[in-house]
Amino acid sequence: MTAAPAMTGGTPPGERQALAAGDIGGEPEEDGSVDEERELAQHQLGVWSCSTATWLYRNDLPGPIGTILGCGEAVLAPYGHPRLFDIRTGELLAQWPELTLPRRQGAYGVTHTPSPVAALHPDGSRVALAVKGGIAVIRVG
C-alpha cells in the first residue's frame, strides 16, 4: 500500500491521506477475517480521514498504480507510465503513455525494479519525472 497527502476542501495538512492498494489488498487477518470497513481491497484508491478514522472515498482502479504522489485533488501514479487519478472518484484524468516508467508497486522489499523518481513543483502545477535519457516535465494542475 502506498500513501500521499490528500488536500481536499481546504482541510489541514495531514488530516487526509490518499492510499492505494496494489496486488495485495483486503488480506485476511490471522484469524481469516477481513475488516472491509478499514481495509482497501486489491487495486483500490481511497482517502482516509485521520480525525474520524473512516474512509471518505474508496474507488476501484483498473489495476495496480504503484507509489502515488499527491497533486491536490488528484494523485499521480507512475506505474508503467504516469497517470493522474481524481482522489474522490478514482476517475482517470490524464495519462502520458509515451513516458515509460518502472512497474514498481511499493517502496520496499523489491530490489530488482527501480523506484520511479518524481518531483512535484511547489505550486502543484507540474511534475518532473526521470525517464530514459533525461527528465520529462508534465502538467498536472
N, C-alpha and C. Protein backbone atom coordinates (compact mmCIF):
# COMPACT_ATOMS: atom_id res chain seq x y z
N MET A 1 0.85 -1.16 0.00
CA MET A 1 0.00 0.00 0.00
C MET A 1 0.90 1.22 0.00
N THR A 2 0.50 2.25 -0.74
CA THR A 2 1.25 3.50 -0.78
C THR A 2 0.35 4.63 -0.33
N ALA A 3 0.98 5.72 0.16
CA ALA A 3 0.21 6.84 0.69
C ALA A 3 0.75 8.16 0.19
N ALA A 4 -0.13 9.16 0.12
CA ALA A 4 0.24 10.53 -0.23
C ALA A 4 -0.72 11.47 0.46
N PRO A 5 -0.26 12.66 0.88
CA PRO A 5 -1.19 13.62 1.48
C PRO A 5 -2.30 13.97 0.50
N ALA A 6 -3.51 14.09 0.99
CA ALA A 6 -4.66 14.44 0.16
C ALA A 6 -5.20 15.77 0.62
N MET A 7 -5.14 16.77 -0.21
CA MET A 7 -5.62 18.10 0.13
C MET A 7 -6.98 18.29 -0.52
N THR A 8 -8.03 18.14 0.25
CA THR A 8 -9.38 18.31 -0.28
C THR A 8 -10.14 19.32 0.55
N GLY A 9 -10.80 20.22 -0.10
CA GLY A 9 -11.70 21.15 0.57
C GLY A 9 -11.06 22.02 1.62
N GLY A 10 -9.77 22.36 1.49
CA GLY A 10 -9.11 23.23 2.44
C GLY A 10 -8.85 22.60 3.80
N THR A 11 -8.78 21.28 3.88
CA THR A 11 -8.52 20.62 5.16
C THR A 11 -7.08 20.84 5.57
N PRO A 12 -6.79 20.76 6.87
CA PRO A 12 -5.42 20.96 7.34
C PRO A 12 -4.49 19.87 6.80
N PRO A 13 -3.22 20.19 6.58
CA PRO A 13 -2.26 19.18 6.12
C PRO A 13 -2.21 18.01 7.11
N GLY A 14 -2.16 16.81 6.58
CA GLY A 14 -2.09 15.63 7.40
C GLY A 14 -3.43 15.08 7.87
N GLU A 15 -4.52 15.82 7.68
CA GLU A 15 -5.84 15.36 8.10
C GLU A 15 -6.34 14.24 7.20
N ARG A 16 -6.03 14.30 5.94
CA ARG A 16 -6.49 13.29 4.99
C ARG A 16 -5.29 12.69 4.26
N GLN A 17 -5.32 11.39 4.05
CA GLN A 17 -4.28 10.68 3.34
C GLN A 17 -4.89 9.87 2.21
N ALA A 18 -4.31 10.01 1.02
CA ALA A 18 -4.71 9.16 -0.10
C ALA A 18 -3.86 7.90 -0.04
N LEU A 19 -4.50 6.74 -0.22
CA LEU A 19 -3.81 5.46 -0.17
C LEU A 19 -4.22 4.62 -1.37
N ALA A 20 -3.29 3.80 -1.83
CA ALA A 20 -3.57 2.91 -2.95
C ALA A 20 -3.11 1.51 -2.61
N ALA A 21 -3.93 0.51 -2.92
CA ALA A 21 -3.57 -0.89 -2.73
C ALA A 21 -3.29 -1.51 -4.09
N GLY A 22 -2.23 -2.28 -4.17
CA GLY A 22 -1.85 -2.93 -5.41
C GLY A 22 -2.39 -4.35 -5.48
N ASP A 23 -1.51 -5.28 -5.87
CA ASP A 23 -1.92 -6.67 -5.99
C ASP A 23 -2.24 -7.29 -4.65
N ILE A 24 -1.74 -6.67 -3.57
CA ILE A 24 -2.06 -7.14 -2.22
C ILE A 24 -3.00 -6.12 -1.61
N GLY A 25 -4.17 -6.54 -1.25
CA GLY A 25 -5.17 -5.67 -0.65
C GLY A 25 -6.30 -6.53 -0.12
N GLY A 26 -6.94 -6.08 0.96
CA GLY A 26 -8.02 -6.85 1.55
C GLY A 26 -7.56 -8.20 2.07
N GLU A 27 -6.30 -8.25 2.52
CA GLU A 27 -5.73 -9.50 3.01
C GLU A 27 -6.38 -9.92 4.32
N PRO A 28 -6.62 -11.21 4.51
CA PRO A 28 -7.23 -11.67 5.76
C PRO A 28 -6.28 -11.52 6.95
N GLU A 29 -6.88 -11.32 8.13
CA GLU A 29 -6.12 -11.29 9.38
C GLU A 29 -5.71 -12.71 9.72
N GLU A 30 -4.96 -12.88 10.80
CA GLU A 30 -4.52 -14.21 11.22
C GLU A 30 -5.69 -15.16 11.46
N ASP A 31 -6.83 -14.61 11.90
CA ASP A 31 -7.99 -15.46 12.15
C ASP A 31 -8.83 -15.71 10.89
N GLY A 32 -8.36 -15.18 9.74
CA GLY A 32 -9.05 -15.39 8.47
C GLY A 32 -10.07 -14.33 8.12
N SER A 33 -10.34 -13.40 9.03
CA SER A 33 -11.33 -12.35 8.76
C SER A 33 -10.71 -11.20 7.99
N VAL A 34 -11.56 -10.46 7.29
CA VAL A 34 -11.14 -9.25 6.57
C VAL A 34 -12.03 -8.12 7.07
N ASP A 35 -11.41 -7.04 7.54
CA ASP A 35 -12.16 -5.88 8.02
C ASP A 35 -12.42 -4.96 6.83
N GLU A 36 -13.54 -5.16 6.14
CA GLU A 36 -13.85 -4.41 4.93
C GLU A 36 -14.10 -2.93 5.20
N GLU A 37 -14.43 -2.57 6.43
CA GLU A 37 -14.63 -1.16 6.77
C GLU A 37 -13.31 -0.42 6.86
N ARG A 38 -12.23 -1.11 7.18
CA ARG A 38 -10.94 -0.47 7.40
C ARG A 38 -9.94 -0.70 6.27
N GLU A 39 -10.05 -1.81 5.56
CA GLU A 39 -9.04 -2.18 4.59
C GLU A 39 -9.43 -1.78 3.17
N LEU A 40 -8.42 -1.39 2.40
CA LEU A 40 -8.61 -1.22 0.96
C LEU A 40 -8.53 -2.58 0.32
N ALA A 41 -9.38 -2.82 -0.65
CA ALA A 41 -9.32 -4.07 -1.40
C ALA A 41 -8.22 -3.95 -2.47
N GLN A 42 -7.93 -5.05 -3.10
CA GLN A 42 -6.94 -5.08 -4.17
C GLN A 42 -7.30 -4.04 -5.24
N HIS A 43 -6.32 -3.26 -5.66
CA HIS A 43 -6.46 -2.24 -6.71
C HIS A 43 -7.52 -1.19 -6.39
N GLN A 44 -7.48 -0.67 -5.17
CA GLN A 44 -8.37 0.43 -4.80
C GLN A 44 -7.56 1.67 -4.43
N LEU A 45 -8.19 2.83 -4.66
CA LEU A 45 -7.66 4.12 -4.25
C LEU A 45 -8.64 4.67 -3.23
N GLY A 46 -8.13 5.13 -2.09
CA GLY A 46 -9.01 5.66 -1.06
C GLY A 46 -8.43 6.90 -0.41
N VAL A 47 -9.30 7.68 0.24
CA VAL A 47 -8.88 8.83 1.03
C VAL A 47 -9.36 8.57 2.46
N TRP A 48 -8.40 8.56 3.39
CA TRP A 48 -8.65 8.25 4.79
C TRP A 48 -8.66 9.53 5.61
N SER A 49 -9.66 9.70 6.46
CA SER A 49 -9.72 10.82 7.39
C SER A 49 -9.03 10.40 8.68
N CYS A 50 -7.97 11.10 9.04
CA CYS A 50 -7.25 10.77 10.27
C CYS A 50 -8.06 11.12 11.51
N SER A 51 -8.85 12.18 11.46
CA SER A 51 -9.60 12.60 12.65
C SER A 51 -10.80 11.70 12.95
N THR A 52 -11.45 11.17 11.91
CA THR A 52 -12.63 10.32 12.13
C THR A 52 -12.33 8.83 11.96
N ALA A 53 -11.12 8.51 11.51
CA ALA A 53 -10.71 7.11 11.28
C ALA A 53 -11.71 6.38 10.38
N THR A 54 -12.09 7.04 9.28
CA THR A 54 -13.01 6.45 8.31
C THR A 54 -12.54 6.77 6.90
N TRP A 55 -13.03 5.98 5.95
CA TRP A 55 -12.77 6.26 4.54
C TRP A 55 -13.73 7.34 4.07
N LEU A 56 -13.20 8.38 3.47
CA LEU A 56 -14.04 9.41 2.87
C LEU A 56 -14.42 8.99 1.45
N TYR A 57 -13.49 8.35 0.76
CA TYR A 57 -13.70 7.88 -0.60
C TYR A 57 -12.94 6.56 -0.76
N ARG A 58 -13.53 5.63 -1.51
CA ARG A 58 -12.85 4.39 -1.90
C ARG A 58 -13.35 4.03 -3.28
N ASN A 59 -12.41 3.82 -4.20
CA ASN A 59 -12.78 3.52 -5.58
C ASN A 59 -11.92 2.41 -6.15
N ASP A 60 -12.54 1.58 -6.99
CA ASP A 60 -11.80 0.53 -7.69
C ASP A 60 -11.00 1.15 -8.84
N LEU A 61 -9.83 0.58 -9.06
CA LEU A 61 -8.96 1.01 -10.15
C LEU A 61 -8.82 -0.13 -11.16
N PRO A 62 -8.36 0.18 -12.38
CA PRO A 62 -8.25 -0.87 -13.40
C PRO A 62 -7.12 -1.86 -13.15
N GLY A 63 -6.22 -1.57 -12.23
CA GLY A 63 -5.08 -2.44 -11.93
C GLY A 63 -4.16 -1.73 -10.96
N PRO A 64 -2.95 -2.25 -10.77
CA PRO A 64 -2.03 -1.60 -9.84
C PRO A 64 -1.60 -0.22 -10.35
N ILE A 65 -1.39 0.71 -9.41
CA ILE A 65 -0.92 2.04 -9.82
C ILE A 65 0.41 2.40 -9.17
N GLY A 66 0.92 1.54 -8.29
CA GLY A 66 2.23 1.76 -7.69
C GLY A 66 2.22 2.88 -6.66
N THR A 67 3.39 3.42 -6.41
CA THR A 67 3.56 4.52 -5.47
C THR A 67 2.83 5.74 -6.01
N ILE A 68 2.18 6.49 -5.13
CA ILE A 68 1.41 7.65 -5.59
C ILE A 68 2.02 8.94 -5.05
N LEU A 69 1.80 10.01 -5.79
CA LEU A 69 2.28 11.34 -5.44
C LEU A 69 1.07 12.25 -5.39
N GLY A 70 0.80 12.86 -4.22
CA GLY A 70 -0.35 13.74 -4.07
C GLY A 70 -0.21 15.01 -4.88
N CYS A 71 -1.23 15.33 -5.66
CA CYS A 71 -1.26 16.53 -6.51
C CYS A 71 -2.59 17.25 -6.28
N GLY A 72 -2.78 17.81 -5.09
CA GLY A 72 -4.03 18.50 -4.78
C GLY A 72 -5.19 17.54 -4.70
N GLU A 73 -6.15 17.68 -5.60
CA GLU A 73 -7.35 16.84 -5.63
C GLU A 73 -7.14 15.55 -6.43
N ALA A 74 -5.89 15.29 -6.80
CA ALA A 74 -5.57 14.11 -7.61
C ALA A 74 -4.30 13.45 -7.07
N VAL A 75 -4.04 12.25 -7.57
CA VAL A 75 -2.77 11.59 -7.30
C VAL A 75 -2.15 11.19 -8.63
N LEU A 76 -0.83 11.30 -8.69
CA LEU A 76 -0.09 10.85 -9.86
C LEU A 76 0.42 9.46 -9.56
N ALA A 77 0.13 8.53 -10.45
CA ALA A 77 0.56 7.14 -10.32
C ALA A 77 1.59 6.86 -11.40
N PRO A 78 2.86 6.67 -11.04
CA PRO A 78 3.89 6.48 -12.06
C PRO A 78 4.15 5.02 -12.43
N TYR A 79 3.19 4.12 -12.23
CA TYR A 79 3.38 2.70 -12.51
C TYR A 79 3.29 2.44 -14.02
N GLY A 80 4.41 2.10 -14.65
CA GLY A 80 4.43 1.83 -16.09
C GLY A 80 4.50 3.09 -16.93
N HIS A 81 3.57 3.99 -16.71
CA HIS A 81 3.59 5.33 -17.31
C HIS A 81 2.75 6.24 -16.40
N PRO A 82 3.00 7.55 -16.41
CA PRO A 82 2.28 8.42 -15.48
C PRO A 82 0.79 8.50 -15.80
N ARG A 83 -0.02 8.38 -14.74
CA ARG A 83 -1.47 8.53 -14.85
C ARG A 83 -1.94 9.38 -13.68
N LEU A 84 -2.87 10.27 -13.94
CA LEU A 84 -3.42 11.16 -12.92
C LEU A 84 -4.85 10.74 -12.61
N PHE A 85 -5.12 10.43 -11.32
CA PHE A 85 -6.44 9.97 -10.89
C PHE A 85 -7.07 10.98 -9.93
N ASP A 86 -8.37 11.21 -10.07
CA ASP A 86 -9.13 12.02 -9.14
C ASP A 86 -9.25 11.24 -7.83
N ILE A 87 -8.94 11.88 -6.69
CA ILE A 87 -8.96 11.15 -5.42
C ILE A 87 -10.37 10.91 -4.90
N ARG A 88 -11.34 11.65 -5.39
CA ARG A 88 -12.72 11.46 -4.91
C ARG A 88 -13.47 10.38 -5.68
N THR A 89 -13.20 10.29 -6.98
CA THR A 89 -13.97 9.37 -7.83
C THR A 89 -13.16 8.19 -8.37
N GLY A 90 -11.82 8.31 -8.35
CA GLY A 90 -10.97 7.29 -8.96
C GLY A 90 -10.88 7.44 -10.47
N GLU A 91 -11.52 8.47 -11.02
CA GLU A 91 -11.53 8.69 -12.47
C GLU A 91 -10.13 9.00 -12.99
N LEU A 92 -9.78 8.42 -14.13
CA LEU A 92 -8.53 8.74 -14.80
C LEU A 92 -8.68 10.10 -15.46
N LEU A 93 -7.89 11.08 -15.00
CA LEU A 93 -7.98 12.44 -15.52
C LEU A 93 -7.06 12.69 -16.70
N ALA A 94 -5.89 12.07 -16.67
CA ALA A 94 -4.90 12.26 -17.75
C ALA A 94 -3.91 11.12 -17.66
N GLN A 95 -3.25 10.85 -18.78
CA GLN A 95 -2.18 9.87 -18.81
C GLN A 95 -1.18 10.22 -19.88
N TRP A 96 0.04 9.73 -19.71
CA TRP A 96 1.13 10.01 -20.61
C TRP A 96 1.79 8.67 -20.98
N PRO A 97 1.16 7.86 -21.84
CA PRO A 97 1.68 6.54 -22.17
C PRO A 97 3.02 6.57 -22.92
N GLU A 98 3.36 7.71 -23.48
CA GLU A 98 4.64 7.82 -24.19
C GLU A 98 5.83 7.88 -23.24
N LEU A 99 5.59 8.09 -21.95
CA LEU A 99 6.66 8.15 -20.96
C LEU A 99 6.73 6.82 -20.21
N THR A 100 7.76 6.03 -20.49
CA THR A 100 7.91 4.72 -19.87
C THR A 100 8.60 4.85 -18.52
N LEU A 101 7.96 4.28 -17.49
CA LEU A 101 8.48 4.30 -16.13
C LEU A 101 8.51 2.88 -15.58
N PRO A 102 9.28 2.64 -14.50
CA PRO A 102 9.32 1.30 -13.91
C PRO A 102 7.94 0.86 -13.41
N ARG A 103 7.72 -0.45 -13.39
CA ARG A 103 6.47 -1.02 -12.87
C ARG A 103 6.72 -1.55 -11.46
N ARG A 104 6.81 -0.62 -10.54
CA ARG A 104 7.05 -0.98 -9.14
C ARG A 104 5.82 -0.60 -8.32
N GLN A 105 5.29 -1.57 -7.55
CA GLN A 105 4.05 -1.33 -6.81
C GLN A 105 4.26 -0.71 -5.44
N GLY A 106 5.38 -0.90 -4.81
CA GLY A 106 5.60 -0.37 -3.46
C GLY A 106 6.99 0.18 -3.30
N ALA A 107 7.24 0.72 -2.13
CA ALA A 107 8.53 1.36 -1.88
C ALA A 107 9.56 0.41 -1.27
N TYR A 108 9.11 -0.72 -0.74
CA TYR A 108 10.01 -1.61 -0.01
C TYR A 108 9.96 -3.03 -0.55
N GLY A 109 11.03 -3.79 -0.25
CA GLY A 109 11.04 -5.22 -0.49
C GLY A 109 11.49 -5.68 -1.86
N VAL A 110 11.35 -4.86 -2.88
CA VAL A 110 11.74 -5.27 -4.23
C VAL A 110 13.04 -4.56 -4.57
N THR A 111 14.05 -5.34 -4.95
CA THR A 111 15.33 -4.71 -5.28
C THR A 111 15.66 -4.77 -6.77
N HIS A 112 14.95 -5.60 -7.54
CA HIS A 112 15.26 -5.74 -8.96
C HIS A 112 14.50 -4.74 -9.85
N THR A 113 13.56 -3.99 -9.29
CA THR A 113 12.82 -2.99 -10.05
C THR A 113 13.08 -1.63 -9.41
N PRO A 114 13.61 -0.67 -10.18
CA PRO A 114 13.88 0.64 -9.59
C PRO A 114 12.59 1.40 -9.26
N SER A 115 12.67 2.26 -8.26
CA SER A 115 11.55 3.13 -7.93
C SER A 115 11.49 4.27 -8.94
N PRO A 116 10.29 4.67 -9.36
CA PRO A 116 10.17 5.85 -10.21
C PRO A 116 10.65 7.07 -9.41
N VAL A 117 11.30 7.98 -10.10
CA VAL A 117 11.78 9.21 -9.46
C VAL A 117 10.96 10.37 -9.98
N ALA A 118 10.33 11.11 -9.05
CA ALA A 118 9.45 12.22 -9.43
C ALA A 118 9.61 13.36 -8.43
N ALA A 119 9.40 14.58 -8.91
CA ALA A 119 9.44 15.76 -8.04
C ALA A 119 8.29 16.68 -8.42
N LEU A 120 7.47 17.02 -7.42
CA LEU A 120 6.32 17.91 -7.62
C LEU A 120 6.77 19.35 -7.44
N HIS A 121 6.42 20.22 -8.38
CA HIS A 121 6.72 21.64 -8.27
C HIS A 121 5.97 22.19 -7.05
N PRO A 122 6.57 23.13 -6.31
CA PRO A 122 5.90 23.67 -5.10
C PRO A 122 4.50 24.22 -5.33
N ASP A 123 4.21 24.73 -6.51
CA ASP A 123 2.86 25.26 -6.75
C ASP A 123 1.87 24.17 -7.20
N GLY A 124 2.33 22.93 -7.31
CA GLY A 124 1.47 21.80 -7.64
C GLY A 124 1.05 21.70 -9.09
N SER A 125 1.64 22.51 -9.95
CA SER A 125 1.19 22.53 -11.35
C SER A 125 1.93 21.54 -12.26
N ARG A 126 3.14 21.14 -11.87
CA ARG A 126 3.97 20.30 -12.74
C ARG A 126 4.69 19.24 -11.91
N VAL A 127 5.04 18.14 -12.60
CA VAL A 127 5.84 17.08 -12.00
C VAL A 127 6.99 16.78 -12.96
N ALA A 128 8.19 16.70 -12.41
CA ALA A 128 9.36 16.27 -13.19
C ALA A 128 9.57 14.78 -12.93
N LEU A 129 9.79 14.03 -13.99
CA LEU A 129 9.97 12.58 -13.90
C LEU A 129 11.28 12.17 -14.56
N ALA A 130 12.01 11.29 -13.90
CA ALA A 130 13.22 10.73 -14.51
C ALA A 130 12.78 9.65 -15.50
N VAL A 131 13.12 9.85 -16.76
CA VAL A 131 12.82 8.88 -17.81
C VAL A 131 14.09 8.51 -18.52
N LYS A 132 14.04 7.46 -19.30
CA LYS A 132 15.23 7.03 -20.03
C LYS A 132 15.73 8.19 -20.90
N GLY A 133 16.96 8.57 -20.68
CA GLY A 133 17.57 9.63 -21.48
C GLY A 133 17.36 11.05 -20.97
N GLY A 134 16.70 11.22 -19.80
CA GLY A 134 16.55 12.59 -19.33
C GLY A 134 15.44 12.79 -18.32
N ILE A 135 14.90 14.00 -18.36
CA ILE A 135 13.84 14.41 -17.44
C ILE A 135 12.63 14.85 -18.28
N ALA A 136 11.46 14.38 -17.91
CA ALA A 136 10.22 14.82 -18.56
C ALA A 136 9.44 15.64 -17.55
N VAL A 137 8.84 16.74 -18.00
CA VAL A 137 8.01 17.57 -17.14
C VAL A 137 6.58 17.52 -17.70
N ILE A 138 5.65 17.16 -16.81
CA ILE A 138 4.25 17.09 -17.22
C ILE A 138 3.42 18.05 -16.37
N ARG A 139 2.36 18.57 -16.96
CA ARG A 139 1.46 19.49 -16.25
C ARG A 139 0.34 18.68 -15.61
N VAL A 140 0.17 18.87 -14.29
CA VAL A 140 -0.84 18.10 -13.54
C VAL A 140 -1.88 18.99 -12.89
N GLY A 141 -1.72 20.28 -12.91
CA GLY A 141 -2.66 21.16 -12.23
C GLY A 141 -2.94 22.41 -13.01
